[in-house]
Amino acid sequence: MATNLKALPAKIEASIPEVVRETPWTTAAAAGTLVAGAYLLITGRRKAALAVAVTGAVVAAFENPDKVKEIWDNTPKYLRAGQDFLLRAEDVVDDLRNKGERLRAMLSKV
């Protein structure tokens, strides 16, 4: 059975879904590094996860450098928002601890 080698690339390309053909390789690489970095972080390989995340960020920077610059410029705002969130969470935990102590004291009197 002879195969026409010139027709083979056309057959392969026809079997690829349209969404895959339309997705730029940089987007696919950045998404892949995000998934790989998350997996490595979950499995406890923090250094490897950091390296993969940096690689994904570099690939994303190639695709859209203006967006990366915007994110970099807004990093202090993101950090402040994260810090504010942690402070509020700390206040909630302290409030719950105080209420728990009061409840424990009330129950011990009964």
PDB file of N, CA and C in Angstrom:
ATOM      1  N   MET A   1       0.846  -1.155   0.000  1.00  0.00           N
ATOM      2  CA  MET A   1       0.000   0.000   0.000  1.00  0.00           C
ATOM      3  C   MET A   1       0.906   1.238   0.000  1.00  0.00           C
ATOM      4  N   ALA A   2       0.840   2.023  -1.027  1.00  0.00           N
ATOM      5  CA  ALA A   2       1.679   3.212  -1.171  1.00  0.00           C
ATOM      6  C   ALA A   2       0.942   4.421  -0.623  1.00  0.00           C
ATOM      7  N   THR A   3       1.673   5.275   0.104  1.00  0.00           N
ATOM      8  CA  THR A   3       1.099   6.492   0.662  1.00  0.00           C
ATOM      9  C   THR A   3       1.657   7.682  -0.098  1.00  0.00           C
ATOM     10  N   ASN A   4       0.794   8.580  -0.481  1.00  0.00           N
ATOM     11  CA  ASN A   4       1.223   9.793  -1.153  1.00  0.00           C
ATOM     12  C   ASN A   4       1.743  10.752  -0.082  1.00  0.00           C
ATOM     13  N   LEU A   5       3.079  10.916  -0.028  1.00  0.00           N
ATOM     14  CA  LEU A   5       3.690  11.733   1.021  1.00  0.00           C
ATOM     15  C   LEU A   5       3.366  13.219   0.874  1.00  0.00           C
ATOM     16  N   LYS A   6       3.077  13.675  -0.339  1.00  0.00           N
ATOM     17  CA  LYS A   6       2.753  15.089  -0.533  1.00  0.00           C
ATOM     18  C   LYS A   6       1.368  15.424   0.025  1.00  0.00           C
ATOM     19  N   ALA A   7       0.477  14.456   0.060  1.00  0.00           N
ATOM     20  CA  ALA A   7      -0.871  14.684   0.575  1.00  0.00           C
ATOM     21  C   ALA A   7      -0.938  14.549   2.093  1.00  0.00           C
ATOM     22  N   LEU A   8       0.109  13.974   2.699  1.00  0.00           N
ATOM     23  CA  LEU A   8       0.101  13.731   4.137  1.00  0.00           C
ATOM     24  C   LEU A   8       0.014  15.016   4.960  1.00  0.00           C
ATOM     25  N   PRO A   9       0.801  16.079   4.691  1.00  0.00           N
ATOM     26  CA  PRO A   9       0.661  17.307   5.491  1.00  0.00           C
ATOM     27  C   PRO A   9      -0.735  17.916   5.402  1.00  0.00           C
ATOM     28  N   ALA A  10      -1.369  17.866   4.255  1.00  0.00           N
ATOM     29  CA  ALA A  10      -2.721  18.406   4.114  1.00  0.00           C
ATOM     30  C   ALA A  10      -3.708  17.603   4.952  1.00  0.00           C
ATOM     31  N   LYS A  11      -3.530  16.280   5.009  1.00  0.00           N
ATOM     32  CA  LYS A  11      -4.408  15.448   5.822  1.00  0.00           C
ATOM     33  C   LYS A  11      -4.218  15.742   7.311  1.00  0.00           C
ATOM     34  N   ILE A  12      -2.978  15.932   7.708  1.00  0.00           N
ATOM     35  CA  ILE A  12      -2.702  16.245   9.116  1.00  0.00           C
ATOM     36  C   ILE A  12      -3.303  17.595   9.475  1.00  0.00           C
ATOM     37  N   GLU A  13      -3.096  18.586   8.621  1.00  0.00           N
ATOM     38  CA  GLU A  13      -3.635  19.915   8.891  1.00  0.00           C
ATOM     39  C   GLU A  13      -5.157  19.905   8.924  1.00  0.00           C
ATOM     40  N   ALA A  14      -5.786  19.106   8.105  1.00  0.00           N
ATOM     41  CA  ALA A  14      -7.239  19.032   8.076  1.00  0.00           C
ATOM     42  C   ALA A  14      -7.785  18.387   9.353  1.00  0.00           C
ATOM     43  N   SER A  15      -6.996  17.551  10.005  1.00  0.00           N
ATOM     44  CA  SER A  15      -7.468  16.881  11.216  1.00  0.00           C
ATOM     45  C   SER A  15      -7.306  17.735  12.465  1.00  0.00           C
ATOM     46  N   ILE A  16      -6.599  18.872  12.372  1.00  0.00           N
ATOM     47  CA  ILE A  16      -6.404  19.752  13.527  1.00  0.00           C
ATOM     48  C   ILE A  16      -7.646  20.627  13.684  1.00  0.00           C
ATOM     49  N   PRO A  17      -8.204  20.708  14.891  1.00  0.00           N
ATOM     50  CA  PRO A  17      -9.393  21.548  15.096  1.00  0.00           C
ATOM     51  C   PRO A  17      -9.095  23.019  14.793  1.00  0.00           C
ATOM     52  N   GLU A  18     -10.122  23.736  14.383  1.00  0.00           N
ATOM     53  CA  GLU A  18      -9.979  25.147  13.994  1.00  0.00           C
ATOM     54  C   GLU A  18      -9.462  26.002  15.142  1.00  0.00           C
ATOM     55  N   VAL A  19      -9.929  25.753  16.357  1.00  0.00           N
ATOM     56  CA  VAL A  19      -9.505  26.569  17.498  1.00  0.00           C
ATOM     57  C   VAL A  19      -8.001  26.428  17.749  1.00  0.00           C
ATOM     58  N   VAL A  20      -7.456  25.257  17.472  1.00  0.00           N
ATOM     59  CA  VAL A  20      -6.018  25.049  17.646  1.00  0.00           C
ATOM     60  C   VAL A  20      -5.240  25.800  16.574  1.00  0.00           C
ATOM     61  N   ARG A  21      -5.751  25.798  15.350  1.00  0.00           N
ATOM     62  CA  ARG A  21      -5.061  26.508  14.270  1.00  0.00           C
ATOM     63  C   ARG A  21      -5.083  28.014  14.480  1.00  0.00           C
ATOM     64  N   GLU A  22      -6.128  28.538  15.131  1.00  0.00           N
ATOM     65  CA  GLU A  22      -6.255  29.981  15.320  1.00  0.00           C
ATOM     66  C   GLU A  22      -5.480  30.495  16.526  1.00  0.00           C
ATOM     67  N   THR A  23      -5.124  29.638  17.473  1.00  0.00           N
ATOM     68  CA  THR A  23      -4.432  30.048  18.688  1.00  0.00           C
ATOM     69  C   THR A  23      -2.954  30.259  18.390  1.00  0.00           C
ATOM     70  N   PRO A  24      -2.425  31.455  18.716  1.00  0.00           N
ATOM     71  CA  PRO A  24      -0.987  31.688  18.503  1.00  0.00           C
ATOM     72  C   PRO A  24      -0.156  30.780  19.410  1.00  0.00           C
ATOM     73  N   TRP A  25       1.010  30.415  18.939  1.00  0.00           N
ATOM     74  CA  TRP A  25       1.860  29.513  19.714  1.00  0.00           C
ATOM     75  C   TRP A  25       2.282  30.151  21.024  1.00  0.00           C
ATOM     76  N   THR A  26       2.411  31.486  21.051  1.00  0.00           N
ATOM     77  CA  THR A  26       2.831  32.139  22.290  1.00  0.00           C
ATOM     78  C   THR A  26       1.756  32.011  23.372  1.00  0.00           C
ATOM     79  N   THR A  27       0.499  32.101  22.976  1.00  0.00           N
ATOM     80  CA  THR A  27      -0.595  31.939  23.938  1.00  0.00           C
ATOM     81  C   THR A  27      -0.618  30.511  24.470  1.00  0.00           C
ATOM     82  N   ALA A  28      -0.457  29.554  23.583  1.00  0.00           N
ATOM     83  CA  ALA A  28      -0.451  28.153  24.000  1.00  0.00           C
ATOM     84  C   ALA A  28       0.732  27.867  24.922  1.00  0.00           C
ATOM     85  N   ALA A  29       1.895  28.426  24.613  1.00  0.00           N
ATOM     86  CA  ALA A  29       3.077  28.207  25.453  1.00  0.00           C
ATOM     87  C   ALA A  29       2.901  28.855  26.820  1.00  0.00           C
ATOM     88  N   ALA A  30       2.370  30.076  26.856  1.00  0.00           N
ATOM     89  CA  ALA A  30       2.154  30.752  28.132  1.00  0.00           C
ATOM     90  C   ALA A  30       1.140  29.990  28.988  1.00  0.00           C
ATOM     91  N   ALA A  31       0.064  29.516  28.375  1.00  0.00           N
ATOM     92  CA  ALA A  31      -0.936  28.745  29.117  1.00  0.00           C
ATOM     93  C   ALA A  31      -0.350  27.422  29.614  1.00  0.00           C
ATOM     94  N   GLY A  32       0.445  26.798  28.787  1.00  0.00           N
ATOM     95  CA  GLY A  32       1.078  25.541  29.184  1.00  0.00           C
ATOM     96  C   GLY A  32       2.035  25.717  30.348  1.00  0.00           C
ATOM     97  N   THR A  33       2.801  26.801  30.332  1.00  0.00           N
ATOM     98  CA  THR A  33       3.716  27.043  31.451  1.00  0.00           C
ATOM     99  C   THR A  33       2.952  27.388  32.720  1.00  0.00           C
ATOM    100  N   LEU A  34       1.803  28.044  32.576  1.00  0.00           N
ATOM    101  CA  LEU A  34       0.980  28.328  33.751  1.00  0.00           C
ATOM    102  C   LEU A  34       0.495  27.037  34.393  1.00  0.00           C
ATOM    103  N   VAL A  35       0.009  26.115  33.588  1.00  0.00           N
ATOM    104  CA  VAL A  35      -0.469  24.826  34.104  1.00  0.00           C
ATOM    105  C   VAL A  35       0.693  24.026  34.693  1.00  0.00           C
ATOM    106  N   ALA A  36       1.822  24.001  33.998  1.00  0.00           N
ATOM    107  CA  ALA A  36       2.978  23.258  34.490  1.00  0.00           C
ATOM    108  C   ALA A  36       3.497  23.866  35.792  1.00  0.00           C
ATOM    109  N   GLY A  37       3.547  25.194  35.867  1.00  0.00           N
ATOM    110  CA  GLY A  37       3.997  25.855  37.087  1.00  0.00           C
ATOM    111  C   GLY A  37       3.085  25.561  38.254  1.00  0.00           C
ATOM    112  N   ALA A  38       1.770  25.550  38.019  1.00  0.00           N
ATOM    113  CA  ALA A  38       0.820  25.230  39.087  1.00  0.00           C
ATOM    114  C   ALA A  38       1.021  23.794  39.566  1.00  0.00           C
ATOM    115  N   TYR A  39       1.207  22.883  38.635  1.00  0.00           N
ATOM    116  CA  TYR A  39       1.432  21.485  39.003  1.00  0.00           C
ATOM    117  C   TYR A  39       2.705  21.346  39.834  1.00  0.00           C
ATOM    118  N   LEU A  40       3.774  21.998  39.386  1.00  0.00           N
ATOM    119  CA  LEU A  40       5.043  21.912  40.115  1.00  0.00           C
ATOM    120  C   LEU A  40       4.921  22.531  41.501  1.00  0.00           C
ATOM    121  N   LEU A  41       4.181  23.622  41.607  1.00  0.00           N
ATOM    122  CA  LEU A  41       3.992  24.266  42.909  1.00  0.00           C
ATOM    123  C   LEU A  41       3.201  23.356  43.846  1.00  0.00           C
ATOM    124  N   ILE A  42       2.168  22.710  43.328  1.00  0.00           N
ATOM    125  CA  ILE A  42       1.353  21.807  44.145  1.00  0.00           C
ATOM    126  C   ILE A  42       2.170  20.608  44.617  1.00  0.00           C
ATOM    127  N   THR A  43       3.062  20.114  43.757  1.00  0.00           N
ATOM    128  CA  THR A  43       3.864  18.949  44.123  1.00  0.00           C
ATOM    129  C   THR A  43       5.078  19.313  44.962  1.00  0.00           C
ATOM    130  N   GLY A  44       5.234  20.608  45.287  1.00  0.00           N
ATOM    131  CA  GLY A  44       6.298  21.011  46.193  1.00  0.00           C
ATOM    132  C   GLY A  44       7.616  21.375  45.536  1.00  0.00           C
ATOM    133  N   ARG A  45       7.645  21.476  44.245  1.00  0.00           N
ATOM    134  CA  ARG A  45       8.885  21.836  43.535  1.00  0.00           C
ATOM    135  C   ARG A  45       8.869  23.331  43.240  1.00  0.00           C
ATOM    136  N   ARG A  46       9.142  24.118  44.277  1.00  0.00           N
ATOM    137  CA  ARG A  46       8.983  25.566  44.171  1.00  0.00           C
ATOM    138  C   ARG A  46       9.983  26.212  43.213  1.00  0.00           C
ATOM    139  N   LYS A  47      11.229  25.772  43.235  1.00  0.00           N
ATOM    140  CA  LYS A  47      12.226  26.369  42.347  1.00  0.00           C
ATOM    141  C   LYS A  47      11.894  26.108  40.881  1.00  0.00           C
ATOM    142  N   ALA A  48      11.497  24.888  40.592  1.00  0.00           N
ATOM    143  CA  ALA A  48      11.122  24.552  39.221  1.00  0.00           C
ATOM    144  C   ALA A  48       9.867  25.312  38.802  1.00  0.00           C
ATOM    145  N   ALA A  49       8.913  25.455  39.724  1.00  0.00           N
ATOM    146  CA  ALA A  49       7.685  26.203  39.427  1.00  0.00           C
ATOM    147  C   ALA A  49       8.012  27.658  39.120  1.00  0.00           C
ATOM    148  N   LEU A  50       8.931  28.238  39.879  1.00  0.00           N
ATOM    149  CA  LEU A  50       9.338  29.618  39.629  1.00  0.00           C
ATOM    150  C   LEU A  50       9.998  29.756  38.264  1.00  0.00           C
ATOM    151  N   ALA A  51      10.862  28.812  37.923  1.00  0.00           N
ATOM    152  CA  ALA A  51      11.540  28.859  36.624  1.00  0.00           C
ATOM    153  C   ALA A  51      10.533  28.747  35.474  1.00  0.00           C
ATOM    154  N   VAL A  52       9.569  27.859  35.621  1.00  0.00           N
ATOM    155  CA  VAL A  52       8.558  27.689  34.580  1.00  0.00           C
ATOM    156  C   VAL A  52       7.678  28.935  34.482  1.00  0.00           C
ATOM    157  N   ALA A  53       7.325  29.521  35.624  1.00  0.00           N
ATOM    158  CA  ALA A  53       6.499  30.730  35.616  1.00  0.00           C
ATOM    159  C   ALA A  53       7.231  31.896  34.958  1.00  0.00           C
ATOM    160  N   VAL A  54       8.516  32.022  35.222  1.00  0.00           N
ATOM    161  CA  VAL A  54       9.303  33.080  34.584  1.00  0.00           C
ATOM    162  C   VAL A  54       9.369  32.863  33.081  1.00  0.00           C
ATOM    163  N   THR A  55       9.533  31.627  32.673  1.00  0.00           N
ATOM    164  CA  THR A  55       9.549  31.317  31.245  1.00  0.00           C
ATOM    165  C   THR A  55       8.223  31.695  30.595  1.00  0.00           C
ATOM    166  N   GLY A  56       7.124  31.365  31.240  1.00  0.00           N
ATOM    167  CA  GLY A  56       5.813  31.734  30.720  1.00  0.00           C
ATOM    168  C   GLY A  56       5.628  33.233  30.650  1.00  0.00           C
ATOM    169  N   ALA A  57       6.138  33.952  31.642  1.00  0.00           N
ATOM    170  CA  ALA A  57       6.038  35.414  31.631  1.00  0.00           C
ATOM    171  C   ALA A  57       6.838  36.011  30.485  1.00  0.00           C
ATOM    172  N   VAL A  58       7.995  35.449  30.208  1.00  0.00           N
ATOM    173  CA  VAL A  58       8.812  35.941  29.097  1.00  0.00           C
ATOM    174  C   VAL A  58       8.101  35.696  27.765  1.00  0.00           C
ATOM    175  N   VAL A  59       7.513  34.531  27.612  1.00  0.00           N
ATOM    176  CA  VAL A  59       6.775  34.226  26.381  1.00  0.00           C
ATOM    177  C   VAL A  59       5.583  35.166  26.242  1.00  0.00           C
ATOM    178  N   ALA A  60       4.875  35.406  27.347  1.00  0.00           N
ATOM    179  CA  ALA A  60       3.738  36.330  27.318  1.00  0.00           C
ATOM    180  C   ALA A  60       4.206  37.742  26.982  1.00  0.00           C
ATOM    181  N   ALA A  61       5.383  38.117  27.452  1.00  0.00           N
ATOM    182  CA  ALA A  61       5.921  39.449  27.148  1.00  0.00           C
ATOM    183  C   ALA A  61       6.219  39.586  25.657  1.00  0.00           C
ATOM    184  N   PHE A  62       6.643  38.507  25.023  1.00  0.00           N
ATOM    185  CA  PHE A  62       6.873  38.557  23.579  1.00  0.00           C
ATOM    186  C   PHE A  62       5.573  38.793  22.827  1.00  0.00           C
ATOM    187  N   GLU A  63       4.495  38.193  23.325  1.00  0.00           N
ATOM    188  CA  GLU A  63       3.214  38.303  22.631  1.00  0.00           C
ATOM    189  C   GLU A  63       2.585  39.676  22.804  1.00  0.00           C
ATOM    190  N   ASN A  64       2.631  40.214  24.022  1.00  0.00           N
ATOM    191  CA  ASN A  64       1.945  41.478  24.284  1.00  0.00           C
ATOM    192  C   ASN A  64       2.758  42.319  25.273  1.00  0.00           C
ATOM    193  N   PRO A  65       3.804  42.981  24.809  1.00  0.00           N
ATOM    194  CA  PRO A  65       4.667  43.722  25.724  1.00  0.00           C
ATOM    195  C   PRO A  65       3.963  44.903  26.397  1.00  0.00           C
ATOM    196  N   ASP A  66       2.970  45.499  25.742  1.00  0.00           N
ATOM    197  CA  ASP A  66       2.262  46.625  26.353  1.00  0.00           C
ATOM    198  C   ASP A  66       1.474  46.187  27.581  1.00  0.00           C
ATOM    199  N   LYS A  67       0.850  45.031  27.506  1.00  0.00           N
ATOM    200  CA  LYS A  67       0.085  44.512  28.640  1.00  0.00           C
ATOM    201  C   LYS A  67       1.015  44.176  29.801  1.00  0.00           C
ATOM    202  N   VAL A  68       2.184  43.617  29.507  1.00  0.00           N
ATOM    203  CA  VAL A  68       3.141  43.291  30.559  1.00  0.00           C
ATOM    204  C   VAL A  68       3.625  44.570  31.240  1.00  0.00           C
ATOM    205  N   LYS A  69       3.872  45.617  30.458  1.00  0.00           N
ATOM    206  CA  LYS A  69       4.299  46.889  31.031  1.00  0.00           C
ATOM    207  C   LYS A  69       3.204  47.464  31.932  1.00  0.00           C
ATOM    208  N   GLU A  70       1.951  47.341  31.490  1.00  0.00           N
ATOM    209  CA  GLU A  70       0.829  47.834  32.296  1.00  0.00           C
ATOM    210  C   GLU A  70       0.739  47.080  33.623  1.00  0.00           C
ATOM    211  N   ILE A  71       0.903  45.766  33.579  1.00  0.00           N
ATOM    212  CA  ILE A  71       0.860  44.964  34.801  1.00  0.00           C
ATOM    213  C   ILE A  71       2.028  45.351  35.718  1.00  0.00           C
ATOM    214  N   TRP A  72       3.208  45.534  35.134  1.00  0.00           N
ATOM    215  CA  TRP A  72       4.383  45.913  35.925  1.00  0.00           C
ATOM    216  C   TRP A  72       4.166  47.274  36.589  1.00  0.00           C
ATOM    217  N   ASP A  73       3.587  48.201  35.854  1.00  0.00           N
ATOM    218  CA  ASP A  73       3.337  49.530  36.416  1.00  0.00           C
ATOM    219  C   ASP A  73       2.296  49.490  37.527  1.00  0.00           C
ATOM    220  N   ASN A  74       1.350  48.562  37.457  1.00  0.00           N
ATOM    221  CA  ASN A  74       0.293  48.454  38.459  1.00  0.00           C
ATOM    222  C   ASN A  74       0.635  47.509  39.605  1.00  0.00           C
ATOM    223  N   THR A  75       1.825  46.925  39.592  1.00  0.00           N
ATOM    224  CA  THR A  75       2.216  45.971  40.631  1.00  0.00           C
ATOM    225  C   THR A  75       2.099  46.557  42.039  1.00  0.00           C
ATOM    226  N   PRO A  76       2.529  47.798  42.286  1.00  0.00           N
ATOM    227  CA  PRO A  76       2.347  48.333  43.648  1.00  0.00           C
ATOM    228  C   PRO A  76       0.884  48.369  44.091  1.00  0.00           C
ATOM    229  N   LYS A  77      -0.021  48.661  43.176  1.00  0.00           N
ATOM    230  CA  LYS A  77      -1.452  48.661  43.522  1.00  0.00           C
ATOM    231  C   LYS A  77      -1.906  47.254  43.891  1.00  0.00           C
ATOM    232  N   TYR A  78      -1.447  46.260  43.117  1.00  0.00           N
ATOM    233  CA  TYR A  78      -1.823  44.877  43.404  1.00  0.00           C
ATOM    234  C   TYR A  78      -1.281  44.441  44.764  1.00  0.00           C
ATOM    235  N   LEU A  79      -0.037  44.814  45.060  1.00  0.00           N
ATOM    236  CA  LEU A  79       0.560  44.452  46.342  1.00  0.00           C
ATOM    237  C   LEU A  79      -0.177  45.116  47.500  1.00  0.00           C
ATOM    238  N   ARG A  80      -0.558  46.387  47.336  1.00  0.00           N
ATOM    239  CA  ARG A  80      -1.291  47.091  48.389  1.00  0.00           C
ATOM    240  C   ARG A  80      -2.659  46.440  48.606  1.00  0.00           C
ATOM    241  N   ALA A  81      -3.324  46.073  47.518  1.00  0.00           N
ATOM    242  CA  ALA A  81      -4.627  45.412  47.644  1.00  0.00           C
ATOM    243  C   ALA A  81      -4.477  44.069  48.362  1.00  0.00           C
ATOM    244  N   GLY A  82      -3.428  43.325  48.048  1.00  0.00           N
ATOM    245  CA  GLY A  82      -3.170  42.057  48.728  1.00  0.00           C
ATOM    246  C   GLY A  82      -2.882  42.258  50.204  1.00  0.00           C
ATOM    247  N   GLN A  83      -2.101  43.288  50.513  1.00  0.00           N
ATOM    248  CA  GLN A  83      -1.791  43.589  51.908  1.00  0.00           C
ATOM    249  C   GLN A  83      -3.060  43.990  52.668  1.00  0.00           C
ATOM    250  N   ASP A  84      -3.900  44.825  52.045  1.00  0.00           N
ATOM    251  CA  ASP A  84      -5.164  45.217  52.679  1.00  0.00           C
ATOM    252  C   ASP A  84      -6.053  44.006  52.939  1.00  0.00           C
ATOM    253  N   PHE A  85      -6.094  43.083  51.967  1.00  0.00           N
ATOM    254  CA  PHE A  85      -6.887  41.871  52.138  1.00  0.00           C
ATOM    255  C   PHE A  85      -6.378  41.050  53.315  1.00  0.00           C
ATOM    256  N   LEU A  86      -5.056  40.894  53.413  1.00  0.00           N
ATOM    257  CA  LEU A  86      -4.486  40.119  54.514  1.00  0.00           C
ATOM    258  C   LEU A  86      -4.761  40.778  55.861  1.00  0.00           C
ATOM    259  N   LEU A  87      -4.700  42.107  55.921  1.00  0.00           N
ATOM    260  CA  LEU A  87      -5.005  42.806  57.170  1.00  0.00           C
ATOM    261  C   LEU A  87      -6.457  42.593  57.577  1.00  0.00           C
ATOM    262  N   ARG A  88      -7.373  42.669  56.599  1.00  0.00           N
ATOM    263  CA  ARG A  88      -8.779  42.422  56.910  1.00  0.00           C
ATOM    264  C   ARG A  88      -8.999  40.983  57.361  1.00  0.00           C
ATOM    265  N   ALA A  89      -8.332  40.053  56.714  1.00  0.00           N
ATOM    266  CA  ALA A  89      -8.460  38.646  57.107  1.00  0.00           C
ATOM    267  C   ALA A  89      -7.918  38.441  58.518  1.00  0.00           C
ATOM    268  N   GLU A  90      -6.831  39.109  58.848  1.00  0.00           N
ATOM    269  CA  GLU A  90      -6.268  39.018  60.199  1.00  0.00           C
ATOM    270  C   GLU A  90      -7.263  39.572  61.230  1.00  0.00           C
ATOM    271  N   ASP A  91      -7.923  40.669  60.906  1.00  0.00           N
ATOM    272  CA  ASP A  91      -8.933  41.231  61.804  1.00  0.00           C
ATOM    273  C   ASP A  91     -10.090  40.262  62.016  1.00  0.00           C
ATOM    274  N   VAL A  92     -10.531  39.611  60.952  1.00  0.00           N
ATOM    275  CA  VAL A  92     -11.629  38.640  61.062  1.00  0.00           C
ATOM    276  C   VAL A  92     -11.213  37.473  61.950  1.00  0.00           C
ATOM    277  N   VAL A  93      -9.987  36.977  61.760  1.00  0.00           N
ATOM    278  CA  VAL A  93      -9.505  35.853  62.570  1.00  0.00           C
ATOM    279  C   VAL A  93      -9.403  36.261  64.037  1.00  0.00           C
ATOM    280  N   ASP A  94      -8.900  37.467  64.310  1.00  0.00           N
ATOM    281  CA  ASP A  94      -8.819  37.947  65.697  1.00  0.00           C
ATOM    282  C   ASP A  94     -10.202  38.074  66.315  1.00  0.00           C
ATOM    283  N   ASP A  95     -11.152  38.588  65.543  1.00  0.00           N
ATOM    284  CA  ASP A  95     -12.518  38.725  66.038  1.00  0.00           C
ATOM    285  C   ASP A  95     -13.114  37.358  66.360  1.00  0.00           C
ATOM    286  N   LEU A  96     -12.902  36.390  65.474  1.00  0.00           N
ATOM    287  CA  LEU A  96     -13.407  35.033  65.734  1.00  0.00           C
ATOM    288  C   LEU A  96     -12.754  34.423  66.962  1.00  0.00           C
ATOM    289  N   ARG A  97     -11.457  34.667  67.137  1.00  0.00           N
ATOM    290  CA  ARG A  97     -10.754  34.141  68.310  1.00  0.00           C
ATOM    291  C   ARG A  97     -11.330  34.742  69.592  1.00  0.00           C
ATOM    292  N   ASN A  98     -11.560  36.066  69.589  1.00  0.00           N
ATOM    293  CA  ASN A  98     -12.122  36.722  70.771  1.00  0.00           C
ATOM    294  C   ASN A  98     -13.516  36.204  71.085  1.00  0.00           C
ATOM    295  N   LYS A  99     -14.340  36.045  70.059  1.00  0.00           N
ATOM    296  CA  LYS A  99     -15.690  35.523  70.278  1.00  0.00           C
ATOM    297  C   LYS A  99     -15.650  34.088  70.780  1.00  0.00           C
ATOM    298  N   GLY A 100     -14.710  33.307  70.274  1.00  0.00           N
ATOM    299  CA  GLY A 100     -14.551  31.926  70.735  1.00  0.00           C
ATOM    300  C   GLY A 100     -14.145  31.869  72.192  1.00  0.00           C
ATOM    301  N   GLU A 101     -13.246  32.775  72.611  1.00  0.00           N
ATOM    302  CA  GLU A 101     -12.833  32.815  74.008  1.00  0.00           C
ATOM    303  C   GLU A 101     -13.997  33.202  74.912  1.00  0.00           C
ATOM    304  N   ARG A 102     -14.794  34.189  74.451  1.00  0.00           N
ATOM    305  CA  ARG A 102     -15.957  34.598  75.246  1.00  0.00           C
ATOM    306  C   ARG A 102     -16.971  33.458  75.353  1.00  0.00           C
ATOM    307  N   LEU A 103     -17.192  32.765  74.254  1.00  0.00           N
ATOM    308  CA  LEU A 103     -18.131  31.644  74.258  1.00  0.00           C
ATOM    309  C   LEU A 103     -17.619  30.531  75.195  1.00  0.00           C
ATOM    310  N   ARG A 104     -16.335  30.264  75.142  1.00  0.00           N
ATOM    311  CA  ARG A 104     -15.741  29.235  76.004  1.00  0.00           C
ATOM    312  C   ARG A 104     -15.885  29.617  77.478  1.00  0.00           C
ATOM    313  N   ALA A 105     -15.674  30.913  77.751  1.00  0.00           N
ATOM    314  CA  ALA A 105     -15.816  31.390  79.132  1.00  0.00           C
ATOM    315  C   ALA A 105     -17.270  31.254  79.605  1.00  0.00           C
ATOM    316  N   MET A 106     -18.214  31.592  78.735  1.00  0.00           N
ATOM    317  CA  MET A 106     -19.629  31.485  79.090  1.00  0.00           C
ATOM    318  C   MET A 106     -20.015  30.023  79.337  1.00  0.00           C
ATOM    319  N   LEU A 107     -19.517  29.125  78.495  1.00  0.00           N
ATOM    320  CA  LEU A 107     -19.849  27.706  78.643  1.00  0.00           C
ATOM    321  C   LEU A 107     -19.202  27.097  79.876  1.00  0.00           C
ATOM    322  N   SER A 108     -18.024  27.598  80.246  1.00  0.00           N
ATOM    323  CA  SER A 108     -17.368  27.035  81.431  1.00  0.00           C
ATOM    324  C   SER A 108     -18.093  27.462  82.715  1.00  0.00           C
ATOM    325  N   LYS A 109     -18.805  28.607  82.687  1.00  0.00           N
ATOM    326  CA  LYS A 109     -19.565  29.052  83.852  1.00  0.00           C
ATOM    327  C   LYS A 109     -20.819  28.222  84.032  1.00  0.00           C
ATOM    328  N   VAL A 110     -21.340  27.695  82.921  1.00  0.00           N
ATOM    329  CA  VAL A 110     -22.600  26.936  82.982  1.00  0.00           C
ATOM    330  C   VAL A 110     -22.324  25.563  83.460  1.00  0.00           C
TER     331      VAL A 110
END
